[in-house]
Amino acid sequence: MINYHNKVFRSLSNSESGEVNEETRFYYQQSGRIVTATYEGGAILQGQLIAAVDETGTLDMRYQHVNNKGELMTGKCVSTPEVLDNGKLRLHERWQWTSGDHSSGTSVVEEV
């Protein structure tokens, strides 16, 4: 199983309706099969996520944040890991808002 504990990720790409950008940083923690993270930067004032990780390292997560407009946004995401040649992780994400316009998209984040 992939261990996400104490890893930091940054955004490489995101769909147009997403709010995460290259200034956003994610700070992951892990206890057993539970992964949590805080995130901030760019359009995100403060955010939190919680996920269950499976034996392949795939994360089934729910997230919430307050954006720079003062809006509380929520969503769900499945993140599939890729181990890079340098040993760092890249996460390929499929997400959907559960608030706002309920649009969906894809994003990629990579370990710093």
N, C-alpha and C. Protein backbone atom coordinates (compact mmCIF):
# COMPACT_ATOMS: atom_id res chain seq x y z
N MET A 1 0.84 -1.19 0.00
CA MET A 1 0.00 0.00 0.00
C MET A 1 0.88 1.25 0.00
N ILE A 2 0.48 2.25 -0.72
CA ILE A 2 1.18 3.54 -0.75
C ILE A 2 0.93 4.26 0.57
N ASN A 3 1.99 4.86 1.11
CA ASN A 3 1.87 5.63 2.34
C ASN A 3 1.89 7.12 2.00
N TYR A 4 0.83 7.83 2.33
CA TYR A 4 0.70 9.25 2.03
C TYR A 4 1.14 10.16 3.19
N HIS A 5 1.57 9.54 4.30
CA HIS A 5 1.86 10.31 5.52
C HIS A 5 2.98 11.33 5.29
N ASN A 6 2.71 12.58 5.68
CA ASN A 6 3.65 13.70 5.60
C ASN A 6 4.07 14.08 4.18
N LYS A 7 3.28 13.72 3.19
CA LYS A 7 3.59 14.12 1.82
C LYS A 7 2.88 15.44 1.49
N VAL A 8 3.53 16.24 0.65
CA VAL A 8 2.99 17.52 0.21
C VAL A 8 2.83 17.45 -1.30
N PHE A 9 1.66 17.89 -1.79
CA PHE A 9 1.37 17.87 -3.22
C PHE A 9 1.05 19.28 -3.72
N ARG A 10 1.31 19.49 -5.02
CA ARG A 10 0.94 20.74 -5.69
C ARG A 10 0.20 20.39 -6.96
N SER A 11 -0.61 21.31 -7.41
CA SER A 11 -1.42 21.09 -8.60
C SER A 11 -0.58 21.28 -9.87
N LEU A 12 -0.74 20.35 -10.82
CA LEU A 12 -0.13 20.49 -12.14
C LEU A 12 -1.15 20.94 -13.18
N SER A 13 -2.39 20.46 -13.04
CA SER A 13 -3.44 20.83 -13.99
C SER A 13 -4.79 20.61 -13.35
N ASN A 14 -5.80 21.31 -13.89
CA ASN A 14 -7.16 21.19 -13.37
C ASN A 14 -8.13 21.62 -14.46
N SER A 15 -9.32 21.06 -14.42
CA SER A 15 -10.39 21.47 -15.34
C SER A 15 -10.82 22.90 -15.03
N GLU A 16 -11.46 23.52 -15.99
CA GLU A 16 -11.83 24.93 -15.89
C GLU A 16 -12.73 25.24 -14.69
N SER A 17 -13.64 24.34 -14.34
CA SER A 17 -14.57 24.62 -13.25
C SER A 17 -13.98 24.31 -11.87
N GLY A 18 -12.73 23.86 -11.83
CA GLY A 18 -12.05 23.61 -10.56
C GLY A 18 -11.50 24.88 -9.96
N GLU A 19 -11.21 24.87 -8.66
CA GLU A 19 -10.68 26.04 -7.98
C GLU A 19 -9.21 25.87 -7.55
N VAL A 20 -8.71 24.66 -7.58
CA VAL A 20 -7.31 24.40 -7.24
C VAL A 20 -6.44 24.85 -8.40
N ASN A 21 -5.30 25.49 -8.08
CA ASN A 21 -4.35 25.87 -9.13
C ASN A 21 -2.92 25.63 -8.65
N GLU A 22 -1.94 26.09 -9.43
CA GLU A 22 -0.53 25.81 -9.13
C GLU A 22 -0.05 26.40 -7.80
N GLU A 23 -0.81 27.33 -7.23
CA GLU A 23 -0.45 27.91 -5.93
C GLU A 23 -0.98 27.09 -4.75
N THR A 24 -1.87 26.14 -5.01
CA THR A 24 -2.48 25.35 -3.95
C THR A 24 -1.53 24.25 -3.50
N ARG A 25 -1.39 24.09 -2.18
CA ARG A 25 -0.58 23.01 -1.60
C ARG A 25 -1.46 22.14 -0.71
N PHE A 26 -1.25 20.83 -0.80
CA PHE A 26 -1.98 19.83 -0.02
C PHE A 26 -1.00 19.17 0.95
N TYR A 27 -1.37 19.09 2.21
CA TYR A 27 -0.51 18.53 3.26
C TYR A 27 -1.18 17.26 3.82
N TYR A 28 -0.70 16.10 3.38
CA TYR A 28 -1.33 14.82 3.67
C TYR A 28 -0.82 14.20 4.96
N GLN A 29 -1.73 13.48 5.64
CA GLN A 29 -1.43 12.65 6.80
C GLN A 29 -2.15 11.32 6.59
N GLN A 30 -1.62 10.25 7.20
CA GLN A 30 -2.27 8.95 7.06
C GLN A 30 -2.18 8.18 8.36
N SER A 31 -3.29 7.53 8.71
CA SER A 31 -3.35 6.62 9.84
C SER A 31 -4.10 5.38 9.37
N GLY A 32 -3.38 4.29 9.16
CA GLY A 32 -4.00 3.08 8.62
C GLY A 32 -4.54 3.34 7.23
N ARG A 33 -5.81 3.06 7.02
CA ARG A 33 -6.44 3.24 5.70
C ARG A 33 -7.15 4.59 5.56
N ILE A 34 -6.96 5.46 6.56
CA ILE A 34 -7.58 6.79 6.53
C ILE A 34 -6.52 7.83 6.19
N VAL A 35 -6.81 8.63 5.17
CA VAL A 35 -5.93 9.73 4.75
C VAL A 35 -6.69 11.03 4.95
N THR A 36 -6.01 12.01 5.54
CA THR A 36 -6.58 13.34 5.68
C THR A 36 -5.58 14.34 5.12
N ALA A 37 -6.07 15.52 4.80
CA ALA A 37 -5.17 16.58 4.35
C ALA A 37 -5.82 17.93 4.60
N THR A 38 -4.97 18.91 4.78
CA THR A 38 -5.40 20.30 4.73
C THR A 38 -4.83 20.87 3.44
N TYR A 39 -5.48 21.88 2.91
CA TYR A 39 -4.95 22.52 1.70
C TYR A 39 -5.32 23.99 1.68
N GLU A 40 -4.48 24.76 0.97
CA GLU A 40 -4.67 26.21 0.87
C GLU A 40 -3.81 26.75 -0.25
N GLY A 41 -4.13 27.96 -0.65
CA GLY A 41 -3.35 28.64 -1.68
C GLY A 41 -4.17 28.90 -2.93
N GLY A 42 -3.78 29.96 -3.65
CA GLY A 42 -4.54 30.35 -4.83
C GLY A 42 -5.92 30.80 -4.42
N ALA A 43 -6.96 30.23 -5.02
CA ALA A 43 -8.34 30.62 -4.73
C ALA A 43 -8.88 29.97 -3.46
N ILE A 44 -8.08 29.12 -2.81
CA ILE A 44 -8.52 28.38 -1.63
C ILE A 44 -7.98 29.05 -0.38
N LEU A 45 -8.87 29.54 0.49
CA LEU A 45 -8.42 30.10 1.77
C LEU A 45 -8.02 28.99 2.73
N GLN A 46 -8.89 28.00 2.86
CA GLN A 46 -8.59 26.85 3.72
C GLN A 46 -9.48 25.69 3.32
N GLY A 47 -8.89 24.49 3.29
CA GLY A 47 -9.65 23.31 2.92
C GLY A 47 -9.21 22.09 3.70
N GLN A 48 -10.07 21.08 3.68
CA GLN A 48 -9.81 19.80 4.34
C GLN A 48 -10.35 18.69 3.45
N LEU A 49 -9.69 17.54 3.51
CA LEU A 49 -10.22 16.37 2.83
C LEU A 49 -10.03 15.15 3.72
N ILE A 50 -10.85 14.16 3.47
CA ILE A 50 -10.73 12.85 4.12
C ILE A 50 -10.94 11.80 3.06
N ALA A 51 -10.15 10.71 3.16
CA ALA A 51 -10.22 9.67 2.14
C ALA A 51 -9.97 8.31 2.75
N ALA A 52 -10.53 7.31 2.10
CA ALA A 52 -10.19 5.92 2.38
C ALA A 52 -9.25 5.48 1.27
N VAL A 53 -8.15 4.84 1.65
CA VAL A 53 -7.18 4.37 0.66
C VAL A 53 -7.30 2.85 0.54
N ASP A 54 -7.26 2.36 -0.70
CA ASP A 54 -7.34 0.90 -0.89
C ASP A 54 -5.95 0.32 -1.09
N GLU A 55 -5.87 -0.99 -1.33
CA GLU A 55 -4.58 -1.67 -1.43
C GLU A 55 -3.74 -1.22 -2.61
N THR A 56 -4.34 -0.59 -3.62
CA THR A 56 -3.58 -0.07 -4.77
C THR A 56 -3.13 1.37 -4.55
N GLY A 57 -3.55 1.97 -3.44
CA GLY A 57 -3.20 3.37 -3.17
C GLY A 57 -4.22 4.36 -3.68
N THR A 58 -5.30 3.87 -4.30
CA THR A 58 -6.35 4.76 -4.80
C THR A 58 -7.11 5.36 -3.63
N LEU A 59 -7.38 6.65 -3.73
CA LEU A 59 -8.07 7.40 -2.68
C LEU A 59 -9.50 7.70 -3.11
N ASP A 60 -10.45 7.35 -2.24
CA ASP A 60 -11.86 7.72 -2.41
C ASP A 60 -12.10 8.82 -1.39
N MET A 61 -12.21 10.06 -1.85
CA MET A 61 -12.20 11.19 -0.91
C MET A 61 -13.40 12.11 -1.03
N ARG A 62 -13.60 12.85 0.04
CA ARG A 62 -14.55 13.94 0.11
C ARG A 62 -13.77 15.17 0.56
N TYR A 63 -14.11 16.32 -0.01
CA TYR A 63 -13.37 17.53 0.33
C TYR A 63 -14.31 18.70 0.57
N GLN A 64 -13.79 19.67 1.30
CA GLN A 64 -14.53 20.91 1.57
C GLN A 64 -13.52 22.03 1.74
N HIS A 65 -13.90 23.21 1.25
CA HIS A 65 -13.03 24.37 1.44
C HIS A 65 -13.83 25.66 1.36
N VAL A 66 -13.20 26.71 1.85
CA VAL A 66 -13.73 28.06 1.69
C VAL A 66 -12.83 28.75 0.67
N ASN A 67 -13.47 29.28 -0.38
CA ASN A 67 -12.68 29.95 -1.42
C ASN A 67 -12.53 31.44 -1.12
N ASN A 68 -11.79 32.13 -1.99
CA ASN A 68 -11.52 33.55 -1.75
C ASN A 68 -12.74 34.45 -1.97
N LYS A 69 -13.88 33.88 -2.35
CA LYS A 69 -15.15 34.62 -2.42
C LYS A 69 -15.95 34.43 -1.14
N GLY A 70 -15.41 33.62 -0.20
CA GLY A 70 -16.10 33.32 1.04
C GLY A 70 -17.14 32.22 0.93
N GLU A 71 -17.13 31.48 -0.18
CA GLU A 71 -18.10 30.41 -0.40
C GLU A 71 -17.57 29.09 0.16
N LEU A 72 -18.45 28.34 0.80
CA LEU A 72 -18.12 26.98 1.26
C LEU A 72 -18.44 26.03 0.11
N MET A 73 -17.42 25.32 -0.35
CA MET A 73 -17.55 24.40 -1.48
C MET A 73 -17.26 22.98 -1.01
N THR A 74 -18.00 22.00 -1.57
CA THR A 74 -17.81 20.61 -1.20
C THR A 74 -17.76 19.75 -2.47
N GLY A 75 -17.12 18.59 -2.34
CA GLY A 75 -17.05 17.71 -3.49
C GLY A 75 -16.54 16.33 -3.14
N LYS A 76 -16.48 15.49 -4.19
CA LYS A 76 -15.97 14.14 -4.05
C LYS A 76 -14.96 13.89 -5.16
N CYS A 77 -14.04 12.97 -4.89
CA CYS A 77 -12.94 12.76 -5.83
C CYS A 77 -12.40 11.34 -5.69
N VAL A 78 -11.96 10.76 -6.80
CA VAL A 78 -11.19 9.52 -6.79
C VAL A 78 -9.83 9.86 -7.37
N SER A 79 -8.78 9.57 -6.58
CA SER A 79 -7.40 9.86 -6.99
C SER A 79 -6.65 8.55 -7.19
N THR A 80 -6.10 8.38 -8.39
CA THR A 80 -5.35 7.18 -8.74
C THR A 80 -3.87 7.53 -8.78
N PRO A 81 -3.04 6.81 -7.99
CA PRO A 81 -1.63 7.17 -7.92
C PRO A 81 -0.81 6.60 -9.08
N GLU A 82 0.24 7.36 -9.41
CA GLU A 82 1.27 6.92 -10.34
C GLU A 82 2.60 7.17 -9.63
N VAL A 83 3.45 6.16 -9.55
CA VAL A 83 4.77 6.33 -8.95
C VAL A 83 5.73 6.73 -10.07
N LEU A 84 6.33 7.90 -9.93
CA LEU A 84 7.24 8.42 -10.94
C LEU A 84 8.62 7.76 -10.82
N ASP A 85 9.45 7.93 -11.85
CA ASP A 85 10.79 7.34 -11.85
C ASP A 85 11.63 7.80 -10.67
N ASN A 86 11.37 9.02 -10.19
CA ASN A 86 12.14 9.56 -9.05
C ASN A 86 11.56 9.13 -7.70
N GLY A 87 10.52 8.27 -7.72
CA GLY A 87 9.91 7.77 -6.49
C GLY A 87 8.79 8.64 -5.95
N LYS A 88 8.63 9.83 -6.51
CA LYS A 88 7.55 10.72 -6.07
C LYS A 88 6.22 10.23 -6.63
N LEU A 89 5.13 10.72 -6.04
CA LEU A 89 3.78 10.34 -6.46
C LEU A 89 3.13 11.41 -7.32
N ARG A 90 2.39 10.98 -8.32
CA ARG A 90 1.52 11.84 -9.10
C ARG A 90 0.12 11.24 -8.97
N LEU A 91 -0.87 12.08 -8.65
CA LEU A 91 -2.25 11.62 -8.49
C LEU A 91 -3.10 12.13 -9.65
N HIS A 92 -3.76 11.19 -10.32
CA HIS A 92 -4.68 11.51 -11.42
C HIS A 92 -6.08 11.48 -10.82
N GLU A 93 -6.77 12.62 -10.86
CA GLU A 93 -8.01 12.78 -10.11
C GLU A 93 -9.22 13.01 -11.00
N ARG A 94 -10.32 12.36 -10.63
CA ARG A 94 -11.64 12.59 -11.23
C ARG A 94 -12.52 13.11 -10.10
N TRP A 95 -13.02 14.33 -10.24
CA TRP A 95 -13.76 14.96 -9.16
C TRP A 95 -15.10 15.51 -9.63
N GLN A 96 -15.96 15.77 -8.63
CA GLN A 96 -17.26 16.40 -8.91
C GLN A 96 -17.65 17.25 -7.71
N TRP A 97 -18.12 18.45 -8.00
CA TRP A 97 -18.67 19.30 -6.94
C TRP A 97 -19.97 18.68 -6.43
N THR A 98 -20.17 18.73 -5.11
CA THR A 98 -21.46 18.38 -4.52
C THR A 98 -22.16 19.63 -4.04
N SER A 99 -21.62 20.77 -4.40
CA SER A 99 -22.22 22.08 -4.14
C SER A 99 -22.07 22.90 -5.42
N GLY A 100 -22.56 24.12 -5.40
CA GLY A 100 -22.43 24.98 -6.58
C GLY A 100 -23.12 24.38 -7.79
N ASP A 101 -22.40 24.34 -8.92
CA ASP A 101 -23.02 23.89 -10.18
C ASP A 101 -22.96 22.37 -10.38
N HIS A 102 -22.38 21.64 -9.45
CA HIS A 102 -22.28 20.17 -9.52
C HIS A 102 -21.52 19.67 -10.75
N SER A 103 -20.68 20.53 -11.32
CA SER A 103 -19.88 20.12 -12.48
C SER A 103 -18.80 19.14 -12.05
N SER A 104 -18.19 18.50 -13.02
CA SER A 104 -17.13 17.54 -12.75
C SER A 104 -15.91 17.87 -13.59
N GLY A 105 -14.80 17.25 -13.25
CA GLY A 105 -13.59 17.51 -14.00
C GLY A 105 -12.48 16.54 -13.64
N THR A 106 -11.29 16.84 -14.14
CA THR A 106 -10.11 16.05 -13.84
C THR A 106 -9.00 16.99 -13.43
N SER A 107 -8.09 16.47 -12.64
CA SER A 107 -6.93 17.25 -12.22
C SER A 107 -5.76 16.31 -12.00
N VAL A 108 -4.56 16.88 -11.94
CA VAL A 108 -3.36 16.13 -11.63
C VAL A 108 -2.60 16.92 -10.57
N VAL A 109 -2.22 16.22 -9.49
CA VAL A 109 -1.37 16.82 -8.46
C VAL A 109 -0.14 15.95 -8.33
N GLU A 110 0.98 16.58 -7.94
CA GLU A 110 2.25 15.86 -7.86
C GLU A 110 2.95 16.18 -6.55
N GLU A 111 3.61 15.18 -6.00
CA GLU A 111 4.35 15.35 -4.75
C GLU A 111 5.49 16.34 -4.94
N VAL A 112 5.63 17.24 -3.97
CA VAL A 112 6.69 18.26 -4.00
C VAL A 112 7.98 17.64 -3.48
